[in-house]
PDB file of N, CA and C in Angstrom:
ATOM      1  N   HIS A   1      71.978 106.707 191.467  1.00  0.00           N
ATOM      2  CA  HIS A   1      71.342 106.833 190.296  1.00  0.00           C
ATOM      3  C   HIS A   1      72.749 106.293 188.858  1.00  0.00           C
ATOM      4  N   VAL A   2      73.692 107.255 189.122  1.00  0.00           N
ATOM      5  CA  VAL A   2      75.150 107.061 188.232  1.00  0.00           C
ATOM      6  C   VAL A   2      76.057 105.589 188.469  1.00  0.00           C
ATOM      7  N   GLN A   3      76.176 105.028 187.238  1.00  0.00           N
ATOM      8  CA  GLN A   3      77.137 103.851 187.591  1.00  0.00           C
ATOM      9  C   GLN A   3      78.015 104.436 186.567  1.00  0.00           C
ATOM     10  N   LEU A   4      79.321 104.624 186.784  1.00  0.00           N
ATOM     11  CA  LEU A   4      80.322 104.596 185.849  1.00  0.00           C
ATOM     12  C   LEU A   4      81.407 103.265 185.984  1.00  0.00           C
ATOM     13  N   VAL A   5      81.885 102.653 184.730  1.00  0.00           N
ATOM     14  CA  VAL A   5      82.581 101.416 184.905  1.00  0.00           C
ATOM     15  C   VAL A   5      83.406 101.966 184.191  1.00  0.00           C
ATOM     16  N   GLU A   6      85.150 102.016 184.263  1.00  0.00           N
ATOM     17  CA  GLU A   6      86.125 102.248 183.809  1.00  0.00           C
ATOM     18  C   GLU A   6      86.482 100.805 182.828  1.00  0.00           C
ATOM     19  N   SER A   7      87.566 100.928 181.384  1.00  0.00           N
ATOM     20  CA  SER A   7      88.081  99.521 180.994  1.00  0.00           C
ATOM     21  C   SER A   7      88.905  99.851 180.005  1.00  0.00           C
ATOM     22  N   GLY A   8      90.038  99.623 179.583  1.00  0.00           N
ATOM     23  CA  GLY A   8      90.971  99.769 178.524  1.00  0.00           C
ATOM     24  C   GLY A   8      92.117 100.061 179.436  1.00  0.00           C
ATOM     25  N   GLY A   9      92.389  99.625 180.300  1.00  0.00           N
ATOM     26  CA  GLY A   9      94.020  99.865 180.862  1.00  0.00           C
ATOM     27  C   GLY A   9      94.612  98.214 181.047  1.00  0.00           C
ATOM     28  N   GLY A  10      95.813  98.336 181.226  1.00  0.00           N
ATOM     29  CA  GLY A  10      96.737  97.353 180.963  1.00  0.00           C
ATOM     30  C   GLY A  10      98.112  98.080 181.118  1.00  0.00           C
ATOM     31  N   SER A  11      98.764  97.185 180.158  1.00  0.00           N
ATOM     32  CA  SER A  11     100.269  97.200 180.182  1.00  0.00           C
ATOM     33  C   SER A  11     100.910  97.340 179.337  1.00  0.00           C
ATOM     34  N   VAL A  12     102.181  98.311 179.159  1.00  0.00           N
ATOM     35  CA  VAL A  12     102.933  99.022 178.188  1.00  0.00           C
ATOM     36  C   VAL A  12     104.078  99.198 178.323  1.00  0.00           C
ATOM     37  N   GLU A  13     104.768  99.487 176.999  1.00  0.00           N
ATOM     38  CA  GLU A  13     106.287  99.763 177.254  1.00  0.00           C
ATOM     39  C   GLU A  13     106.008 101.445 176.868  1.00  0.00           C
ATOM     40  N   THR A  14     107.632 102.094 177.559  1.00  0.00           N
ATOM     41  CA  THR A  14     107.315 103.388 177.540  1.00  0.00           C
ATOM     42  C   THR A  14     107.096 103.512 175.912  1.00  0.00           C
ATOM     43  N   GLY A  15     106.412 105.141 175.850  1.00  0.00           N
ATOM     44  CA  GLY A  15     106.187 105.547 174.802  1.00  0.00           C
ATOM     45  C   GLY A  15     104.982 104.927 173.702  1.00  0.00           C
ATOM     46  N   GLY A  16     104.767 103.923 174.852  1.00  0.00           N
ATOM     47  CA  GLY A  16     103.267 103.478 174.368  1.00  0.00           C
ATOM     48  C   GLY A  16     102.161 104.185 174.137  1.00  0.00           C
ATOM     49  N   SER A  17     100.752 103.433 173.717  1.00  0.00           N
ATOM     50  CA  SER A  17      99.874 103.783 173.771  1.00  0.00           C
ATOM     51  C   SER A  17      97.989 103.431 174.577  1.00  0.00           C
ATOM     52  N   LEU A  18      97.894 103.824 175.094  1.00  0.00           N
ATOM     53  CA  LEU A  18      96.422 102.776 175.425  1.00  0.00           C
ATOM     54  C   LEU A  18      94.731 104.158 175.324  1.00  0.00           C
ATOM     55  N   ARG A  19      94.274 103.521 175.303  1.00  0.00           N
ATOM     56  CA  ARG A  19      92.981 104.114 175.110  1.00  0.00           C
ATOM     57  C   ARG A  19      91.700 103.624 176.481  1.00  0.00           C
ATOM     58  N   LEU A  20      91.362 104.183 177.441  1.00  0.00           N
ATOM     59  CA  LEU A  20      90.677 104.279 178.097  1.00  0.00           C
ATOM     60  C   LEU A  20      89.362 104.987 178.252  1.00  0.00           C
ATOM     61  N   SER A  21      88.056 103.951 178.158  1.00  0.00           N
ATOM     62  CA  SER A  21      86.758 103.927 178.015  1.00  0.00           C
ATOM     63  C   SER A  21      85.864 104.292 179.525  1.00  0.00           C
ATOM     64  N   CYS A  22      85.007 105.222 179.493  1.00  0.00           N
ATOM     65  CA  CYS A  22      84.361 105.265 181.047  1.00  0.00           C
ATOM     66  C   CYS A  22      82.533 104.978 180.490  1.00  0.00           C
ATOM     67  N   ALA A  23      81.754 104.002 181.026  1.00  0.00           N
ATOM     68  CA  ALA A  23      80.532 103.701 180.223  1.00  0.00           C
ATOM     69  C   ALA A  23      79.666 104.318 181.119  1.00  0.00           C
ATOM     70  N   ALA A  24      78.656 105.508 181.131  1.00  0.00           N
ATOM     71  CA  ALA A  24      77.962 105.791 182.659  1.00  0.00           C
ATOM     72  C   ALA A  24      76.382 104.970 181.824  1.00  0.00           C
ATOM     73  N   SER A  25      75.862 105.256 183.012  1.00  0.00           N
ATOM     74  CA  SER A  25      74.830 104.670 183.012  1.00  0.00           C
ATOM     75  C   SER A  25      73.869 105.331 183.975  1.00  0.00           C
ATOM     76  N   GLY A  26      72.470 105.181 183.955  1.00  0.00           N
ATOM     77  CA  GLY A  26      71.812 105.627 185.484  1.00  0.00           C
ATOM     78  C   GLY A  26      71.378 107.234 185.507  1.00  0.00           C
ATOM     79  N   GLY A  27      71.622 107.828 184.571  1.00  0.00           N
ATOM     80  CA  GLY A  27      71.594 109.270 184.512  1.00  0.00           C
ATOM     81  C   GLY A  27      71.620 110.062 183.469  1.00  0.00           C
ATOM     82  N   THR A  28      71.611 111.322 183.033  1.00  0.00           N
ATOM     83  CA  THR A  28      71.319 112.101 181.756  1.00  0.00           C
ATOM     84  C   THR A  28      72.966 112.318 181.553  1.00  0.00           C
ATOM     85  N   TYR A  29      73.357 111.795 180.927  1.00  0.00           N
ATOM     86  CA  TYR A  29      74.846 112.027 180.708  1.00  0.00           C
ATOM     87  C   TYR A  29      75.283 113.087 179.633  1.00  0.00           C
ATOM     88  N   ARG A  30      74.669 113.231 178.959  1.00  0.00           N
ATOM     89  CA  ARG A  30      75.063 114.346 178.097  1.00  0.00           C
ATOM     90  C   ARG A  30      75.120 115.830 178.794  1.00  0.00           C
ATOM     91  N   THR A  31      74.237 115.899 180.288  1.00  0.00           N
ATOM     92  CA  THR A  31      74.709 117.037 180.819  1.00  0.00           C
ATOM     93  C   THR A  31      75.592 117.463 181.645  1.00  0.00           C
ATOM     94  N   TYR A  32      76.451 116.088 181.837  1.00  0.00           N
ATOM     95  CA  TYR A  32      77.068 116.111 183.111  1.00  0.00           C
ATOM     96  C   TYR A  32      78.817 116.373 182.702  1.00  0.00           C
ATOM     97  N   CYS A  33      79.340 117.328 183.510  1.00  0.00           N
ATOM     98  CA  CYS A  33      80.839 117.434 183.256  1.00  0.00           C
ATOM     99  C   CYS A  33      81.532 116.239 184.383  1.00  0.00           C
ATOM    100  N   MET A  34      82.646 115.732 183.112  1.00  0.00           N
ATOM    101  CA  MET A  34      83.096 114.496 183.733  1.00  0.00           C
ATOM    102  C   MET A  34      84.651 115.140 183.670  1.00  0.00           C
ATOM    103  N   ALA A  35      85.381 114.093 184.507  1.00  0.00           N
ATOM    104  CA  ALA A  35      86.661 114.453 184.817  1.00  0.00           C
ATOM    105  C   ALA A  35      87.726 112.767 184.489  1.00  0.00           C
ATOM    106  N   TRP A  36      88.315 113.058 184.753  1.00  0.00           N
ATOM    107  CA  TRP A  36      89.664 111.574 184.701  1.00  0.00           C
ATOM    108  C   TRP A  36      90.523 111.789 185.557  1.00  0.00           C
ATOM    109  N   PHE A  37      90.634 110.918 186.669  1.00  0.00           N
ATOM    110  CA  PHE A  37      91.876 111.126 187.725  1.00  0.00           C
ATOM    111  C   PHE A  37      92.740 109.585 187.669  1.00  0.00           C
ATOM    112  N   ARG A  38      93.615 110.030 188.309  1.00  0.00           N
ATOM    113  CA  ARG A  38      94.717 108.794 187.966  1.00  0.00           C
ATOM    114  C   ARG A  38      95.391 109.390 190.055  1.00  0.00           C
ATOM    115  N   GLN A  39      95.643 107.592 190.532  1.00  0.00           N
ATOM    116  CA  GLN A  39      96.631 107.783 191.965  1.00  0.00           C
ATOM    117  C   GLN A  39      97.404 106.483 191.629  1.00  0.00           C
ATOM    118  N   ALA A  40      98.797 107.068 191.944  1.00  0.00           N
ATOM    119  CA  ALA A  40      99.609 105.936 192.276  1.00  0.00           C
ATOM    120  C   ALA A  40      99.888 105.596 193.979  1.00  0.00           C
ATOM    121  N   PRO A  41     100.201 104.385 193.877  1.00  0.00           N
ATOM    122  CA  PRO A  41     100.657 104.075 195.067  1.00  0.00           C
ATOM    123  C   PRO A  41     101.174 104.732 195.853  1.00  0.00           C
ATOM    124  N   GLY A  42     100.426 105.752 197.780  1.00  0.00           N
ATOM    125  CA  GLY A  42     101.769 106.255 197.627  1.00  0.00           C
ATOM    126  C   GLY A  42     101.296 107.895 197.325  1.00  0.00           C
ATOM    127  N   GLU A  43     100.478 107.856 196.427  1.00  0.00           N
ATOM    128  CA  GLU A  43     100.900 109.213 195.865  1.00  0.00           C
ATOM    129  C   GLU A  43      99.133 110.136 195.926  1.00  0.00           C
ATOM    130  N   GLU A  44      99.170 111.268 196.045  1.00  0.00           N
ATOM    131  CA  GLU A  44      97.404 111.873 195.921  1.00  0.00           C
ATOM    132  C   GLU A  44      97.326 112.020 194.728  1.00  0.00           C
ATOM    133  N   ARG A  45      95.820 111.976 194.514  1.00  0.00           N
ATOM    134  CA  ARG A  45      94.797 111.633 193.287  1.00  0.00           C
ATOM    135  C   ARG A  45      95.128 112.973 192.900  1.00  0.00           C
ATOM    136  N   GLU A  46      94.989 112.816 191.649  1.00  0.00           N
ATOM    137  CA  GLU A  46      95.881 113.726 190.276  1.00  0.00           C
ATOM    138  C   GLU A  46      94.626 113.802 189.307  1.00  0.00           C
ATOM    139  N   GLY A  47      94.203 115.177 189.296  1.00  0.00           N
ATOM    140  CA  GLY A  47      93.300 115.023 187.841  1.00  0.00           C
ATOM    141  C   GLY A  47      93.925 115.282 186.614  1.00  0.00           C
ATOM    142  N   VAL A  48      93.467 114.507 185.523  1.00  0.00           N
ATOM    143  CA  VAL A  48      94.212 114.267 184.418  1.00  0.00           C
ATOM    144  C   VAL A  48      93.566 115.102 183.465  1.00  0.00           C
ATOM    145  N   ALA A  49      92.432 115.282 183.582  1.00  0.00           N
ATOM    146  CA  ALA A  49      91.250 115.667 182.079  1.00  0.00           C
ATOM    147  C   ALA A  49      89.975 116.207 182.920  1.00  0.00           C
ATOM    148  N   THR A  50      89.723 117.264 182.216  1.00  0.00           N
ATOM    149  CA  THR A  50      88.240 117.703 182.395  1.00  0.00           C
ATOM    150  C   THR A  50      87.589 117.491 181.446  1.00  0.00           C
ATOM    151  N   ILE A  51      86.488 116.983 180.892  1.00  0.00           N
ATOM    152  CA  ILE A  51      85.592 117.189 180.107  1.00  0.00           C
ATOM    153  C   ILE A  51      84.227 117.748 180.080  1.00  0.00           C
ATOM    154  N   ASN A  52      83.656 118.740 179.691  1.00  0.00           N
ATOM    155  CA  ASN A  52      82.819 119.645 180.142  1.00  0.00           C
ATOM    156  C   ASN A  52      81.586 118.601 179.311  1.00  0.00           C
ATOM    157  N   ASN A  53      80.201 119.345 179.417  1.00  0.00           N
ATOM    158  CA  ASN A  53      78.975 118.515 178.804  1.00  0.00           C
ATOM    159  C   ASN A  53      78.897 119.304 177.037  1.00  0.00           C
ATOM    160  N   PHE A  54      80.047 120.430 176.742  1.00  0.00           N
ATOM    161  CA  PHE A  54      80.292 120.228 175.682  1.00  0.00           C
ATOM    162  C   PHE A  54      80.995 119.756 174.940  1.00  0.00           C
ATOM    163  N   GLY A  55      82.321 119.162 175.466  1.00  0.00           N
ATOM    164  CA  GLY A  55      83.718 118.171 175.170  1.00  0.00           C
ATOM    165  C   GLY A  55      84.240 118.966 175.246  1.00  0.00           C
ATOM    166  N   ASN A  56      84.595 120.555 175.677  1.00  0.00           N
ATOM    167  CA  ASN A  56      85.508 121.277 175.881  1.00  0.00           C
ATOM    168  C   ASN A  56      86.438 120.340 177.152  1.00  0.00           C
ATOM    169  N   THR A  57      87.763 120.357 177.033  1.00  0.00           N
ATOM    170  CA  THR A  57      88.766 119.606 177.759  1.00  0.00           C
ATOM    171  C   THR A  57      89.955 120.572 178.322  1.00  0.00           C
ATOM    172  N   ASN A  58      90.218 120.487 179.680  1.00  0.00           N
ATOM    173  CA  ASN A  58      91.057 121.141 179.828  1.00  0.00           C
ATOM    174  C   ASN A  58      92.425 119.738 180.546  1.00  0.00           C
ATOM    175  N   TYR A  59      93.922 120.051 180.946  1.00  0.00           N
ATOM    176  CA  TYR A  59      94.872 119.026 181.515  1.00  0.00           C
ATOM    177  C   TYR A  59      95.849 120.154 182.089  1.00  0.00           C
ATOM    178  N   PRO A  60      96.356 119.123 183.302  1.00  0.00           N
ATOM    179  CA  PRO A  60      97.527 119.702 183.637  1.00  0.00           C
ATOM    180  C   PRO A  60      98.812 119.519 183.046  1.00  0.00           C
ATOM    181  N   ASP A  61      99.794 120.334 183.066  1.00  0.00           N
ATOM    182  CA  ASP A  61     100.711 120.633 182.873  1.00  0.00           C
ATOM    183  C   ASP A  61     101.823 118.984 182.104  1.00  0.00           C
ATOM    184  N   THR A  62     101.735 118.248 183.737  1.00  0.00           N
ATOM    185  CA  THR A  62     102.106 116.825 183.600  1.00  0.00           C
ATOM    186  C   THR A  62     101.955 115.411 182.444  1.00  0.00           C
ATOM    187  N   VAL A  63     100.398 116.666 181.792  1.00  0.00           N
ATOM    188  CA  VAL A  63      99.919 115.350 181.083  1.00  0.00           C
ATOM    189  C   VAL A  63      99.882 115.713 179.517  1.00  0.00           C
ATOM    190  N   LYS A  64      99.804 117.422 179.618  1.00  0.00           N
ATOM    191  CA  LYS A  64      99.123 117.891 178.432  1.00  0.00           C
ATOM    192  C   LYS A  64     100.280 117.868 177.269  1.00  0.00           C
ATOM    193  N   GLY A  65      99.600 117.616 175.974  1.00  0.00           N
ATOM    194  CA  GLY A  65      99.973 117.099 174.907  1.00  0.00           C
ATOM    195  C   GLY A  65     100.054 115.267 174.709  1.00  0.00           C
ATOM    196  N   ARG A  66      99.688 115.025 175.634  1.00  0.00           N
ATOM    197  CA  ARG A  66     100.232 113.715 175.815  1.00  0.00           C
ATOM    198  C   ARG A  66      98.807 112.686 175.920  1.00  0.00           C
ATOM    199  N   PHE A  67      98.071 112.877 176.641  1.00  0.00           N
ATOM    200  CA  PHE A  67      96.448 112.714 176.798  1.00  0.00           C
ATOM    201  C   PHE A  67      95.381 113.763 175.814  1.00  0.00           C
ATOM    202  N   THR A  68      94.532 113.515 175.350  1.00  0.00           N
ATOM    203  CA  THR A  68      93.466 113.541 175.287  1.00  0.00           C
ATOM    204  C   THR A  68      92.061 113.117 175.674  1.00  0.00           C
ATOM    205  N   GLY A  69      91.105 113.882 175.660  1.00  0.00           N
ATOM    206  CA  GLY A  69      89.943 113.221 176.759  1.00  0.00           C
ATOM    207  C   GLY A  69      88.810 113.795 175.791  1.00  0.00           C
ATOM    208  N   SER A  70      87.563 112.743 175.454  1.00  0.00           N
ATOM    209  CA  SER A  70      87.006 112.991 174.655  1.00  0.00           C
ATOM    210  C   SER A  70      85.497 112.214 174.811  1.00  0.00           C
ATOM    211  N   ARG A  71      83.993 112.401 174.369  1.00  0.00           N
ATOM    212  CA  ARG A  71      83.354 112.068 174.864  1.00  0.00           C
ATOM    213  C   ARG A  71      82.136 111.904 173.749  1.00  0.00           C
ATOM    214  N   ASP A  72      81.648 110.722 173.644  1.00  0.00           N
ATOM    215  CA  ASP A  72      80.561 110.099 172.785  1.00  0.00           C
ATOM    216  C   ASP A  72      79.440 110.397 173.371  1.00  0.00           C
ATOM    217  N   ASN A  73      78.151 111.336 173.517  1.00  0.00           N
ATOM    218  CA  ASN A  73      77.382 111.338 174.321  1.00  0.00           C
ATOM    219  C   ASN A  73      76.498 110.342 173.517  1.00  0.00           C
ATOM    220  N   ALA A  74      76.296 109.852 172.614  1.00  0.00           N
ATOM    221  CA  ALA A  74      75.133 108.973 171.921  1.00  0.00           C
ATOM    222  C   ALA A  74      75.706 107.648 172.487  1.00  0.00           C
ATOM    223  N   LYS A  75      76.628 107.341 173.333  1.00  0.00           N
ATOM    224  CA  LYS A  75      76.831 105.844 173.743  1.00  0.00           C
ATOM    225  C   LYS A  75      77.099 106.255 174.833  1.00  0.00           C
ATOM    226  N   ASN A  76      76.594 107.012 175.734  1.00  0.00           N
ATOM    227  CA  ASN A  76      77.091 107.410 177.270  1.00  0.00           C
ATOM    228  C   ASN A  76      78.638 106.897 177.214  1.00  0.00           C
ATOM    229  N   THR A  77      79.518 107.751 177.029  1.00  0.00           N
ATOM    230  CA  THR A  77      80.892 106.902 176.776  1.00  0.00           C
ATOM    231  C   THR A  77      82.523 108.267 177.020  1.00  0.00           C
ATOM    232  N   LEU A  78      82.978 108.125 177.708  1.00  0.00           N
ATOM    233  CA  LEU A  78      83.854 109.332 178.228  1.00  0.00           C
ATOM    234  C   LEU A  78      85.343 108.403 177.408  1.00  0.00           C
ATOM    235  N   TYR A  79      85.913 109.010 176.812  1.00  0.00           N
ATOM    236  CA  TYR A  79      87.518 108.272 176.777  1.00  0.00           C
ATOM    237  C   TYR A  79      88.704 108.654 177.518  1.00  0.00           C
ATOM    238  N   LEU A  80      89.629 108.445 177.223  1.00  0.00           N
ATOM    239  CA  LEU A  80      90.633 108.860 177.338  1.00  0.00           C
ATOM    240  C   LEU A  80      91.643 108.528 176.450  1.00  0.00           C
ATOM    241  N   GLN A  81      92.706 109.175 175.336  1.00  0.00           N
ATOM    242  CA  GLN A  81      93.140 108.899 175.035  1.00  0.00           C
ATOM    243  C   GLN A  81      94.974 108.893 175.210  1.00  0.00           C
ATOM    244  N   LEU A  82      95.607 107.500 175.749  1.00  0.00           N
ATOM    245  CA  LEU A  82      97.222 108.056 176.434  1.00  0.00           C
ATOM    246  C   LEU A  82      97.837 107.960 175.778  1.00  0.00           C
ATOM    247  N   ASN A  83      98.870 108.750 175.408  1.00  0.00           N
ATOM    248  CA  ASN A  83      99.910 108.734 174.122  1.00  0.00           C
ATOM    249  C   ASN A  83     101.138 109.241 174.963  1.00  0.00           C
ATOM    250  N   SER A  84     102.122 108.324 174.365  1.00  0.00           N
ATOM    251  CA  SER A  84     103.617 108.675 174.871  1.00  0.00           C
ATOM    252  C   SER A  84     104.127 108.390 176.442  1.00  0.00           C
ATOM    253  N   LEU A  85     103.386 107.082 176.541  1.00  0.00           N
ATOM    254  CA  LEU A  85     103.694 107.228 178.148  1.00  0.00           C
ATOM    255  C   LEU A  85     104.566 107.044 178.788  1.00  0.00           C
ATOM    256  N   LYS A  86     104.803 107.668 179.869  1.00  0.00           N
ATOM    257  CA  LYS A  86     106.365 107.270 180.434  1.00  0.00           C
ATOM    258  C   LYS A  86     106.004 106.308 181.950  1.00  0.00           C
ATOM    259  N   ILE A  87     106.980 106.441 182.227  1.00  0.00           N
ATOM    260  CA  ILE A  87     106.850 105.292 183.220  1.00  0.00           C
ATOM    261  C   ILE A  87     105.848 105.878 184.795  1.00  0.00           C
ATOM    262  N   GLU A  88     106.070 107.161 184.800  1.00  0.00           N
ATOM    263  CA  GLU A  88     105.656 108.291 185.873  1.00  0.00           C
ATOM    264  C   GLU A  88     104.267 107.756 185.586  1.00  0.00           C
ATOM    265  N   ASP A  89     103.643 107.708 184.511  1.00  0.00           N
ATOM    266  CA  ASP A  89     101.967 107.458 184.366  1.00  0.00           C
ATOM    267  C   ASP A  89     101.640 106.384 184.916  1.00  0.00           C
ATOM    268  N   THR A  90     102.218 105.418 185.413  1.00  0.00           N
ATOM    269  CA  THR A  90     101.867 104.817 186.005  1.00  0.00           C
ATOM    270  C   THR A  90     100.887 104.736 187.547  1.00  0.00           C
ATOM    271  N   ALA A  91      99.812 104.679 187.228  1.00  0.00           N
ATOM    272  CA  ALA A  91      98.861 104.675 188.141  1.00  0.00           C
ATOM    273  C   ALA A  91      97.248 103.838 188.000  1.00  0.00           C
ATOM    274  N   MET A  92      96.083 104.123 188.748  1.00  0.00           N
ATOM    275  CA  MET A  92      95.035 103.577 188.747  1.00  0.00           C
ATOM    276  C   MET A  92      94.513 104.801 188.370  1.00  0.00           C
ATOM    277  N   TYR A  93      93.606 104.268 186.913  1.00  0.00           N
ATOM    278  CA  TYR A  93      92.656 105.826 186.393  1.00  0.00           C
ATOM    279  C   TYR A  93      91.172 105.374 186.883  1.00  0.00           C
ATOM    280  N   TYR A  94      90.647 106.768 187.198  1.00  0.00           N
ATOM    281  CA  TYR A  94      89.278 106.914 187.313  1.00  0.00           C
ATOM    282  C   TYR A  94      88.520 107.911 186.727  1.00  0.00           C
ATOM    283  N   CYS A  95      87.123 107.424 186.127  1.00  0.00           N
ATOM    284  CA  CYS A  95      86.089 108.573 185.718  1.00  0.00           C
ATOM    285  C   CYS A  95      85.621 108.851 186.898  1.00  0.00           C
ATOM    286  N   ALA A  96      84.989 110.226 186.980  1.00  0.00           N
ATOM    287  CA  ALA A  96      84.198 110.996 187.496  1.00  0.00           C
ATOM    288  C   ALA A  96      83.229 111.992 187.050  1.00  0.00           C
ATOM    289  N   LYS A  97      82.050 112.272 187.580  1.00  0.00           N
ATOM    290  CA  LYS A  97      80.952 112.964 187.477  1.00  0.00           C
ATOM    291  C   LYS A  97      81.054 114.020 188.476  1.00  0.00           C
ATOM    292  N   GLU A  98      80.862 115.477 187.628  1.00  0.00           N
ATOM    293  CA  GLU A  98      81.042 116.418 188.600  1.00  0.00           C
ATOM    294  C   GLU A  98      79.575 116.702 188.722  1.00  0.00           C
ATOM    295  N   LEU A  99      79.685 117.552 190.242  1.00  0.00           N
ATOM    296  CA  LEU A  99      78.241 117.487 191.282  1.00  0.00           C
ATOM    297  C   LEU A  99      77.324 118.580 190.593  1.00  0.00           C
ATOM    298  N   ASP A 100      77.710 119.606 190.268  1.00  0.00           N
ATOM    299  CA  ASP A 100      77.055 120.518 189.229  1.00  0.00           C
ATOM    300  C   ASP A 100      76.868 121.083 188.340  1.00  0.00           C
ATOM    301  N   GLY A 101      78.359 120.996 187.826  1.00  0.00           N
ATOM    302  CA  GLY A 101      78.911 121.203 186.076  1.00  0.00           C
ATOM    303  C   GLY A 101      79.644 122.305 186.327  1.00  0.00           C
ATOM    304  N   GLY A 102      80.909 122.312 186.079  1.00  0.00           N
ATOM    305  CA  GLY A 102      81.207 123.672 185.482  1.00  0.00           C
ATOM    306  C   GLY A 102      82.444 124.119 186.675  1.00  0.00           C
ATOM    307  N   ASN A 103      82.258 123.912 187.847  1.00  0.00           N
ATOM    308  CA  ASN A 103      82.743 124.213 189.044  1.00  0.00           C
ATOM    309  C   ASN A 103      84.163 123.529 189.237  1.00  0.00           C
ATOM    310  N   TRP A 104      83.888 122.314 189.152  1.00  0.00           N
ATOM    311  CA  TRP A 104      85.244 121.609 189.441  1.00  0.00           C
ATOM    312  C   TRP A 104      85.710 121.013 190.806  1.00  0.00           C
ATOM    313  N   VAL A 105      84.791 120.957 191.441  1.00  0.00           N
ATOM    314  CA  VAL A 105      84.952 120.984 193.104  1.00  0.00           C
ATOM    315  C   VAL A 105      84.323 120.105 194.021  1.00  0.00           C
ATOM    316  N   ASP A 106      83.483 119.702 193.120  1.00  0.00           N
ATOM    317  CA  ASP A 106      83.028 117.947 194.060  1.00  0.00           C
ATOM    318  C   ASP A 106      82.782 117.384 192.865  1.00  0.00           C
ATOM    319  N   PHE A 107      82.667 116.347 193.253  1.00  0.00           N
ATOM    320  CA  PHE A 107      82.500 114.959 192.378  1.00  0.00           C
ATOM    321  C   PHE A 107      81.626 113.867 193.023  1.00  0.00           C
ATOM    322  N   ASP A 108      80.692 113.440 192.892  1.00  0.00           N
ATOM    323  CA  ASP A 108      79.664 112.877 193.159  1.00  0.00           C
ATOM    324  C   ASP A 108      79.264 110.621 193.089  1.00  0.00           C
ATOM    325  N   TYR A 109      80.007 110.600 192.003  1.00  0.00           N
ATOM    326  CA  TYR A 109      80.048 109.796 191.647  1.00  0.00           C
ATOM    327  C   TYR A 109      81.333 109.512 190.927  1.00  0.00           C
ATOM    328  N   TRP A 110      82.170 107.829 190.770  1.00  0.00           N
ATOM    329  CA  TRP A 110      83.733 107.329 190.944  1.00  0.00           C
ATOM    330  C   TRP A 110      83.330 105.982 189.816  1.00  0.00           C
ATOM    331  N   GLY A 111      84.001 105.954 188.852  1.00  0.00           N
ATOM    332  CA  GLY A 111      83.981 104.573 188.468  1.00  0.00           C
ATOM    333  C   GLY A 111      85.266 103.476 189.603  1.00  0.00           C
ATOM    334  N   GLN A 112      85.247 102.267 189.483  1.00  0.00           N
ATOM    335  CA  GLN A 112      85.834 101.755 190.089  1.00  0.00           C
ATOM    336  C   GLN A 112      87.925 101.708 189.677  1.00  0.00           C
ATOM    337  N   GLY A 113      87.972 102.197 188.753  1.00  0.00           N
ATOM    338  CA  GLY A 113      89.359 102.727 187.724  1.00  0.00           C
ATOM    339  C   GLY A 113      89.698 101.225 187.399  1.00  0.00           C
ATOM    340  N   THR A 114      90.424 101.400 186.379  1.00  0.00           N
ATOM    341  CA  THR A 114      91.385 100.605 185.773  1.00  0.00           C
ATOM    342  C   THR A 114      92.416 100.924 185.680  1.00  0.00           C
ATOM    343  N   GLN A 115      93.856  99.789 186.049  1.00  0.00           N
ATOM    344  CA  GLN A 115      95.099 100.180 186.149  1.00  0.00           C
ATOM    345  C   GLN A 115      95.628  99.987 185.051  1.00  0.00           C
ATOM    346  N   VAL A 116      96.757 101.232 184.824  1.00  0.00           N
ATOM    347  CA  VAL A 116      97.659 101.283 183.461  1.00  0.00           C
ATOM    348  C   VAL A 116      99.077 101.281 184.505  1.00  0.00           C
ATOM    349  N   THR A 117      99.461 100.402 183.390  1.00  0.00           N
ATOM    350  CA  THR A 117     101.329 100.016 184.333  1.00  0.00           C
ATOM    351  C   THR A 117     101.897 100.266 182.897  1.00  0.00           C
ATOM    352  N   VAL A 118     103.172 101.169 182.795  1.00  0.00           N
ATOM    353  CA  VAL A 118     103.957 101.571 181.496  1.00  0.00           C
ATOM    354  C   VAL A 118     105.534 100.874 182.603  1.00  0.00           C
ATOM    355  N   SER A 119     106.426 100.169 181.376  1.00  0.00           N
ATOM    356  CA  SER A 119     107.500  99.604 182.175  1.00  0.00           C
ATOM    357  C   SER A 119     108.373  99.606 181.257  1.00  0.00           C
TER     358      SER A 119
END
C-alpha cells in the first residue's frame, strides 16, 4: 500500500552537496518512522539517518555533522541533505518505512534508490 520514490541523486565533486527527496504515497505518512540507507557495491547496507514521526533524527558517526534528515508531513516527503561529500559517500541511497515505529528493527517498504556519486 505504501510507495516510496527517491530523487535528487547525481554526480558531485568532493566537498559538494546534494539534497535527496523521498516521496511517499498510499499510507498515513505522518505516523511513520522513516530512515535513509545507503549501499555501495560490495559493501553492507548502512543506515545513515533515522527520522521518527515527530521529526527527531539520529545519525551514525560516519555521517554525523554532514548529513541532515528531515520530513515535511504536509507534502508526504522525507529529505536527506548531504553536505561536505566525500568519495566514500558514493552509494545508492534508499529511503524506507519502519514497520512498527520507534524500534528500528524491521522495515516493510523501500524505495528504488537514487545514486550519489562523489569524485
